[in-house]
N, C-alpha and C. Protein backbone atom coordinates (compact mmCIF):
# COMPACT_ATOMS: atom_id res chain seq x y z
N MET A 1 0.83 -1.18 0.00
CA MET A 1 0.00 0.00 0.00
C MET A 1 0.88 1.25 0.00
N PRO A 2 0.91 1.97 -1.11
CA PRO A 2 1.64 3.24 -1.09
C PRO A 2 0.93 4.24 -0.18
N GLN A 3 1.74 5.03 0.51
CA GLN A 3 1.21 6.07 1.38
C GLN A 3 1.86 7.39 0.98
N ILE A 4 1.03 8.39 0.79
CA ILE A 4 1.51 9.73 0.44
C ILE A 4 1.61 10.54 1.72
N LEU A 5 2.77 11.12 1.93
CA LEU A 5 2.99 11.97 3.10
C LEU A 5 3.44 13.34 2.60
N PRO A 6 2.53 14.32 2.54
CA PRO A 6 2.94 15.65 2.11
C PRO A 6 3.58 16.42 3.26
N LEU A 7 4.75 16.92 3.02
CA LEU A 7 5.43 17.77 3.99
C LEU A 7 5.37 19.19 3.43
N LEU A 8 4.80 20.10 4.20
CA LEU A 8 4.50 21.43 3.69
C LEU A 8 5.33 22.50 4.37
N ALA A 9 5.94 23.35 3.56
CA ALA A 9 6.60 24.54 4.09
C ALA A 9 5.51 25.53 4.49
N GLU A 10 5.90 26.54 5.20
CA GLU A 10 4.92 27.48 5.75
C GLU A 10 4.03 28.10 4.67
N LYS A 11 4.60 28.44 3.53
CA LYS A 11 3.83 29.06 2.44
C LYS A 11 2.67 28.14 2.01
N ALA A 12 2.95 26.88 1.77
CA ALA A 12 1.91 25.94 1.35
C ALA A 12 0.94 25.65 2.49
N TRP A 13 1.46 25.49 3.69
CA TRP A 13 0.60 25.22 4.85
C TRP A 13 -0.39 26.36 5.07
N ASN A 14 0.10 27.60 4.99
CA ASN A 14 -0.77 28.76 5.19
C ASN A 14 -1.89 28.80 4.16
N TYR A 15 -1.57 28.48 2.92
CA TYR A 15 -2.62 28.49 1.90
C TYR A 15 -3.67 27.42 2.20
N LEU A 16 -3.24 26.23 2.50
CA LEU A 16 -4.18 25.13 2.73
C LEU A 16 -5.04 25.36 3.97
N ASN A 17 -4.57 26.16 4.91
CA ASN A 17 -5.33 26.39 6.13
C ASN A 17 -6.01 27.76 6.20
N VAL A 18 -5.91 28.55 5.16
CA VAL A 18 -6.51 29.87 5.20
C VAL A 18 -8.02 29.74 5.43
N PHE A 19 -8.54 30.54 6.31
CA PHE A 19 -9.96 30.55 6.68
C PHE A 19 -10.43 29.18 7.19
N ASN A 20 -9.54 28.39 7.75
CA ASN A 20 -9.88 27.07 8.28
C ASN A 20 -10.50 26.13 7.25
N LEU A 21 -10.16 26.32 5.99
CA LEU A 21 -10.65 25.43 4.94
C LEU A 21 -9.60 24.39 4.57
N GLY A 22 -8.55 24.31 5.37
CA GLY A 22 -7.44 23.42 5.05
C GLY A 22 -7.83 21.97 4.88
N ASP A 23 -8.69 21.46 5.77
CA ASP A 23 -9.07 20.05 5.67
C ASP A 23 -9.76 19.76 4.34
N GLU A 24 -10.65 20.65 3.93
CA GLU A 24 -11.36 20.45 2.67
C GLU A 24 -10.40 20.50 1.49
N ARG A 25 -9.54 21.51 1.47
CA ARG A 25 -8.57 21.63 0.37
C ARG A 25 -7.59 20.47 0.38
N LEU A 26 -7.11 20.11 1.54
CA LEU A 26 -6.16 19.01 1.64
C LEU A 26 -6.80 17.70 1.19
N HIS A 27 -8.06 17.51 1.51
CA HIS A 27 -8.78 16.31 1.06
C HIS A 27 -8.87 16.27 -0.46
N ARG A 28 -9.21 17.40 -1.07
CA ARG A 28 -9.28 17.46 -2.55
C ARG A 28 -7.91 17.24 -3.17
N LEU A 29 -6.87 17.83 -2.58
CA LEU A 29 -5.52 17.61 -3.08
C LEU A 29 -5.14 16.13 -2.95
N GLY A 30 -5.47 15.53 -1.81
CA GLY A 30 -5.18 14.12 -1.60
C GLY A 30 -5.82 13.23 -2.64
N GLU A 31 -7.06 13.52 -2.99
CA GLU A 31 -7.74 12.74 -4.03
C GLU A 31 -7.00 12.83 -5.36
N CYS A 32 -6.52 14.01 -5.71
CA CYS A 32 -5.75 14.19 -6.96
C CYS A 32 -4.46 13.38 -6.92
N LEU A 33 -3.77 13.43 -5.78
CA LEU A 33 -2.50 12.73 -5.66
C LEU A 33 -2.69 11.21 -5.68
N ILE A 34 -3.73 10.75 -5.01
CA ILE A 34 -4.02 9.31 -4.99
C ILE A 34 -4.29 8.81 -6.40
N ARG A 35 -5.09 9.54 -7.18
CA ARG A 35 -5.36 9.15 -8.57
C ARG A 35 -4.08 9.08 -9.38
N ALA A 36 -3.16 10.02 -9.15
CA ALA A 36 -1.90 10.03 -9.89
C ALA A 36 -1.08 8.78 -9.59
N VAL A 37 -1.03 8.36 -8.32
CA VAL A 37 -0.29 7.15 -7.95
C VAL A 37 -0.95 5.93 -8.59
N GLU A 38 -2.27 5.88 -8.54
CA GLU A 38 -2.99 4.73 -9.11
C GLU A 38 -2.77 4.61 -10.61
N LYS A 39 -2.64 5.73 -11.30
CA LYS A 39 -2.41 5.71 -12.75
C LYS A 39 -0.97 5.36 -13.11
N ALA A 40 -0.03 5.77 -12.27
CA ALA A 40 1.39 5.59 -12.59
C ALA A 40 1.90 4.19 -12.27
N TRP A 41 1.36 3.56 -11.26
CA TRP A 41 1.88 2.26 -10.82
C TRP A 41 0.82 1.18 -10.93
N PRO A 42 1.24 -0.06 -11.19
CA PRO A 42 0.28 -1.16 -11.31
C PRO A 42 -0.17 -1.66 -9.93
N ILE A 43 -1.07 -0.91 -9.32
CA ILE A 43 -1.54 -1.28 -7.99
C ILE A 43 -3.06 -1.38 -8.00
N VAL A 44 -3.59 -1.97 -6.97
CA VAL A 44 -5.04 -2.12 -6.83
C VAL A 44 -5.65 -0.75 -6.51
N LYS A 45 -6.68 -0.40 -7.25
CA LYS A 45 -7.37 0.87 -6.99
C LYS A 45 -7.92 0.86 -5.57
N GLY A 46 -7.78 1.96 -4.88
CA GLY A 46 -8.25 2.06 -3.50
C GLY A 46 -7.21 1.61 -2.48
N ASP A 47 -5.99 1.33 -2.95
CA ASP A 47 -4.94 0.84 -2.04
C ASP A 47 -3.88 1.90 -1.77
N VAL A 48 -4.20 3.15 -2.02
CA VAL A 48 -3.27 4.25 -1.75
C VAL A 48 -3.87 5.12 -0.65
N ALA A 49 -3.05 5.53 0.29
CA ALA A 49 -3.52 6.36 1.40
C ALA A 49 -2.71 7.66 1.43
N MET A 50 -3.28 8.68 2.04
CA MET A 50 -2.54 9.91 2.30
C MET A 50 -2.74 10.25 3.77
N SER A 51 -1.64 10.51 4.44
CA SER A 51 -1.72 10.85 5.86
C SER A 51 -1.77 12.36 6.03
N ALA A 52 -2.07 12.79 7.25
CA ALA A 52 -2.14 14.22 7.56
C ALA A 52 -0.78 14.87 7.34
N PRO A 53 -0.78 16.13 6.94
CA PRO A 53 0.49 16.79 6.65
C PRO A 53 1.27 17.16 7.91
N GLN A 54 2.53 17.31 7.70
CA GLN A 54 3.41 17.86 8.72
C GLN A 54 3.87 19.21 8.18
N THR A 55 4.16 20.13 9.05
CA THR A 55 4.62 21.44 8.57
C THR A 55 6.06 21.67 9.00
N TRP A 56 6.70 22.43 8.19
CA TRP A 56 8.03 22.93 8.51
C TRP A 56 7.87 24.42 8.68
N ARG A 57 8.36 24.94 9.76
CA ARG A 57 8.27 26.38 9.96
C ARG A 57 9.38 27.11 9.21
N ALA A 58 10.51 26.49 9.07
CA ALA A 58 11.61 27.10 8.32
C ALA A 58 12.21 26.03 7.43
N THR A 59 12.44 26.37 6.19
CA THR A 59 13.05 25.42 5.27
C THR A 59 14.27 26.05 4.63
N ILE A 60 15.24 25.22 4.37
CA ILE A 60 16.45 25.66 3.68
C ILE A 60 16.67 24.68 2.54
N ASN A 61 16.73 25.18 1.33
CA ASN A 61 16.99 24.36 0.15
C ASN A 61 15.96 23.24 -0.03
N GLU A 62 14.71 23.52 0.27
CA GLU A 62 13.66 22.52 0.11
C GLU A 62 12.47 23.15 -0.61
N ALA A 63 11.69 22.32 -1.27
CA ALA A 63 10.50 22.78 -1.99
C ALA A 63 9.41 23.21 -1.00
N ASP A 64 8.45 23.99 -1.51
CA ASP A 64 7.31 24.39 -0.68
C ASP A 64 6.48 23.18 -0.27
N MET A 65 6.45 22.18 -1.14
CA MET A 65 5.70 20.96 -0.85
C MET A 65 6.57 19.77 -1.26
N GLN A 66 6.89 18.93 -0.30
CA GLN A 66 7.61 17.69 -0.60
C GLN A 66 6.63 16.54 -0.44
N LEU A 67 6.50 15.75 -1.49
CA LEU A 67 5.63 14.59 -1.44
C LEU A 67 6.49 13.35 -1.25
N GLN A 68 6.35 12.71 -0.11
CA GLN A 68 7.05 11.45 0.12
C GLN A 68 6.06 10.32 -0.15
N ILE A 69 6.51 9.35 -0.93
CA ILE A 69 5.67 8.19 -1.25
C ILE A 69 6.34 6.98 -0.62
N HIS A 70 5.76 6.50 0.47
CA HIS A 70 6.28 5.33 1.18
C HIS A 70 5.59 4.09 0.63
N TYR A 71 6.37 3.01 0.44
CA TYR A 71 5.76 1.76 -0.02
C TYR A 71 6.68 0.59 0.30
N THR A 72 6.08 -0.57 0.52
CA THR A 72 6.85 -1.78 0.76
C THR A 72 7.18 -2.41 -0.59
N VAL A 73 8.36 -3.00 -0.68
CA VAL A 73 8.79 -3.64 -1.93
C VAL A 73 9.29 -5.04 -1.64
N GLY A 74 9.35 -5.84 -2.70
CA GLY A 74 9.93 -7.17 -2.59
C GLY A 74 8.93 -8.28 -2.34
N GLU A 75 7.64 -7.94 -2.22
CA GLU A 75 6.62 -8.96 -2.01
C GLU A 75 5.64 -8.92 -3.18
N ASP A 76 4.99 -10.04 -3.43
CA ASP A 76 3.96 -10.11 -4.47
C ASP A 76 2.63 -9.67 -3.86
N GLU A 77 2.57 -8.38 -3.52
CA GLU A 77 1.40 -7.85 -2.82
C GLU A 77 0.11 -7.96 -3.61
N TYR A 78 0.20 -7.88 -4.92
CA TYR A 78 -1.00 -7.81 -5.73
C TYR A 78 -1.26 -9.09 -6.52
N GLY A 79 -0.55 -10.16 -6.20
CA GLY A 79 -0.79 -11.45 -6.84
C GLY A 79 -0.47 -11.48 -8.32
N ALA A 80 0.45 -10.65 -8.76
CA ALA A 80 0.82 -10.58 -10.19
C ALA A 80 1.87 -11.62 -10.54
N GLY A 81 2.43 -12.31 -9.55
CA GLY A 81 3.48 -13.28 -9.82
C GLY A 81 4.88 -12.70 -9.72
N ASP A 82 4.98 -11.40 -9.53
CA ASP A 82 6.27 -10.71 -9.40
C ASP A 82 6.25 -9.84 -8.15
N PRO A 83 7.41 -9.68 -7.53
CA PRO A 83 7.47 -8.75 -6.39
C PRO A 83 7.19 -7.32 -6.86
N PHE A 84 6.56 -6.54 -6.02
CA PHE A 84 6.30 -5.14 -6.32
C PHE A 84 7.58 -4.36 -6.10
N MET A 85 8.21 -3.93 -7.18
CA MET A 85 9.46 -3.19 -7.10
C MET A 85 9.50 -2.18 -8.26
N PRO A 86 8.88 -1.02 -8.12
CA PRO A 86 8.89 -0.04 -9.21
C PRO A 86 10.31 0.35 -9.60
N THR A 87 10.58 0.29 -10.89
CA THR A 87 11.90 0.67 -11.41
C THR A 87 12.09 2.18 -11.25
N LEU A 88 13.31 2.63 -11.44
CA LEU A 88 13.58 4.07 -11.39
C LEU A 88 12.75 4.79 -12.45
N ARG A 89 12.61 4.16 -13.60
CA ARG A 89 11.79 4.75 -14.68
C ARG A 89 10.34 4.94 -14.20
N LYS A 90 9.78 3.93 -13.52
CA LYS A 90 8.41 4.04 -13.01
C LYS A 90 8.31 5.06 -11.88
N GLN A 91 9.38 5.19 -11.09
CA GLN A 91 9.39 6.19 -10.03
C GLN A 91 9.40 7.60 -10.63
N LYS A 92 10.18 7.78 -11.71
CA LYS A 92 10.22 9.07 -12.39
C LYS A 92 8.87 9.40 -13.00
N LYS A 93 8.22 8.38 -13.58
CA LYS A 93 6.89 8.57 -14.16
C LYS A 93 5.91 9.02 -13.07
N LEU A 94 6.01 8.41 -11.91
CA LEU A 94 5.15 8.79 -10.79
C LEU A 94 5.41 10.23 -10.38
N ALA A 95 6.67 10.61 -10.23
CA ALA A 95 7.02 11.97 -9.83
C ALA A 95 6.45 12.99 -10.82
N LYS A 96 6.56 12.68 -12.10
CA LYS A 96 6.04 13.57 -13.14
C LYS A 96 4.52 13.73 -13.00
N ARG A 97 3.83 12.61 -12.79
CA ARG A 97 2.37 12.65 -12.65
C ARG A 97 1.95 13.43 -11.40
N LEU A 98 2.69 13.23 -10.30
CA LEU A 98 2.35 13.93 -9.06
C LEU A 98 2.55 15.43 -9.20
N LYS A 99 3.65 15.85 -9.80
CA LYS A 99 3.90 17.28 -9.99
C LYS A 99 2.84 17.90 -10.89
N LYS A 100 2.45 17.15 -11.94
CA LYS A 100 1.40 17.64 -12.84
C LYS A 100 0.07 17.75 -12.09
N ALA A 101 -0.23 16.79 -11.25
CA ALA A 101 -1.48 16.82 -10.48
C ALA A 101 -1.50 18.03 -9.54
N VAL A 102 -0.37 18.34 -8.91
CA VAL A 102 -0.30 19.50 -8.00
C VAL A 102 -0.50 20.79 -8.79
N ARG A 103 0.19 20.91 -9.94
CA ARG A 103 0.02 22.12 -10.76
C ARG A 103 -1.43 22.30 -11.20
N ARG A 104 -2.06 21.21 -11.63
CA ARG A 104 -3.46 21.25 -12.08
C ARG A 104 -4.38 21.64 -10.91
N PHE A 105 -4.13 21.06 -9.74
CA PHE A 105 -4.95 21.37 -8.56
C PHE A 105 -4.88 22.86 -8.23
N PHE A 106 -3.68 23.41 -8.16
CA PHE A 106 -3.56 24.82 -7.78
C PHE A 106 -4.03 25.76 -8.89
N ARG A 107 -3.94 25.33 -10.15
CA ARG A 107 -4.48 26.14 -11.23
C ARG A 107 -6.00 26.26 -11.08
N LYS A 108 -6.67 25.15 -10.71
CA LYS A 108 -8.12 25.18 -10.48
C LYS A 108 -8.47 26.06 -9.29
N GLU A 109 -7.57 26.12 -8.31
CA GLU A 109 -7.79 26.93 -7.11
C GLU A 109 -7.40 28.40 -7.34
N CYS A 110 -6.94 28.71 -8.57
CA CYS A 110 -6.52 30.07 -8.93
C CYS A 110 -5.39 30.58 -8.04
N VAL A 111 -4.44 29.71 -7.77
CA VAL A 111 -3.29 30.06 -6.94
C VAL A 111 -2.03 29.75 -7.74
N SER A 112 -1.03 30.63 -7.64
CA SER A 112 0.21 30.30 -8.33
C SER A 112 0.80 29.05 -7.68
N PRO A 113 1.35 28.17 -8.49
CA PRO A 113 1.81 26.88 -7.95
C PRO A 113 3.01 27.03 -7.02
N PHE A 114 3.08 26.10 -6.10
CA PHE A 114 4.22 26.02 -5.20
C PHE A 114 5.27 25.12 -5.83
N SER A 115 6.49 25.25 -5.37
CA SER A 115 7.52 24.32 -5.84
C SER A 115 7.25 22.97 -5.18
N VAL A 116 7.47 21.90 -5.93
CA VAL A 116 7.15 20.56 -5.47
C VAL A 116 8.32 19.62 -5.72
N SER A 117 8.65 18.83 -4.72
CA SER A 117 9.62 17.76 -4.90
C SER A 117 8.94 16.45 -4.53
N VAL A 118 9.43 15.34 -5.09
CA VAL A 118 8.87 14.02 -4.83
C VAL A 118 10.00 13.11 -4.39
N TRP A 119 9.78 12.41 -3.31
CA TRP A 119 10.78 11.48 -2.77
C TRP A 119 10.11 10.13 -2.63
N THR A 120 10.49 9.19 -3.49
CA THR A 120 9.96 7.83 -3.37
C THR A 120 10.78 7.12 -2.30
N ARG A 121 10.10 6.49 -1.36
CA ARG A 121 10.76 5.89 -0.21
C ARG A 121 10.37 4.42 -0.06
N PRO A 122 11.07 3.52 -0.78
CA PRO A 122 10.76 2.10 -0.66
C PRO A 122 11.19 1.55 0.69
N HIS A 123 10.42 0.63 1.19
CA HIS A 123 10.75 -0.03 2.45
C HIS A 123 10.93 -1.53 2.16
N TYR A 124 12.18 -1.97 2.18
CA TYR A 124 12.51 -3.37 1.93
C TYR A 124 12.34 -4.18 3.21
N GLY A 125 11.79 -5.36 3.07
CA GLY A 125 11.65 -6.24 4.23
C GLY A 125 10.57 -5.79 5.20
N GLY A 126 9.81 -4.78 4.81
CA GLY A 126 8.74 -4.30 5.67
C GLY A 126 7.41 -4.85 5.20
N HIS A 127 6.42 -4.67 6.01
CA HIS A 127 5.07 -5.10 5.64
C HIS A 127 4.07 -4.15 6.30
N TYR A 128 3.01 -3.86 5.60
CA TYR A 128 1.95 -3.01 6.14
C TYR A 128 0.95 -3.89 6.87
N PHE A 129 0.70 -3.56 8.11
CA PHE A 129 -0.31 -4.25 8.90
C PHE A 129 -1.43 -3.26 9.16
N GLY A 130 -2.59 -3.51 8.58
CA GLY A 130 -3.72 -2.61 8.71
C GLY A 130 -4.50 -2.84 9.99
N PRO A 131 -5.54 -2.05 10.20
CA PRO A 131 -6.34 -2.18 11.42
C PRO A 131 -6.96 -3.58 11.60
N GLU A 132 -7.23 -4.24 10.48
CA GLU A 132 -7.86 -5.55 10.56
C GLU A 132 -6.86 -6.67 10.86
N ASP A 133 -5.56 -6.40 10.78
CA ASP A 133 -4.53 -7.44 11.03
C ASP A 133 -4.27 -7.63 12.51
């Protein structure tokens, strides 16, 4: 299960929380990001999550929004007969889709886009245990 963890610099955090509408905006942004992951990688639809954001009050040499994509690798999670291990090419494809999704989201919100970085974070030898496990 890929998990999206957006880390927001103050500029992005302030926009998403202006007038206390942050939860609604963040939810809409999350839906866009989840769709991008589902389109870029061969995973089961509905198997991508996004957690609550963390904020950075001061950033040095970092984007306004860093999207970390955590996922377990090395297991046949989806019964395809092969371990789930996105190649660097597939990771780049994902990063491109995510950045495009962010630009499209903020264009609809009539806001100039924030700088965005994507960090794919594979977890080898790990396993996701959900609430039902």
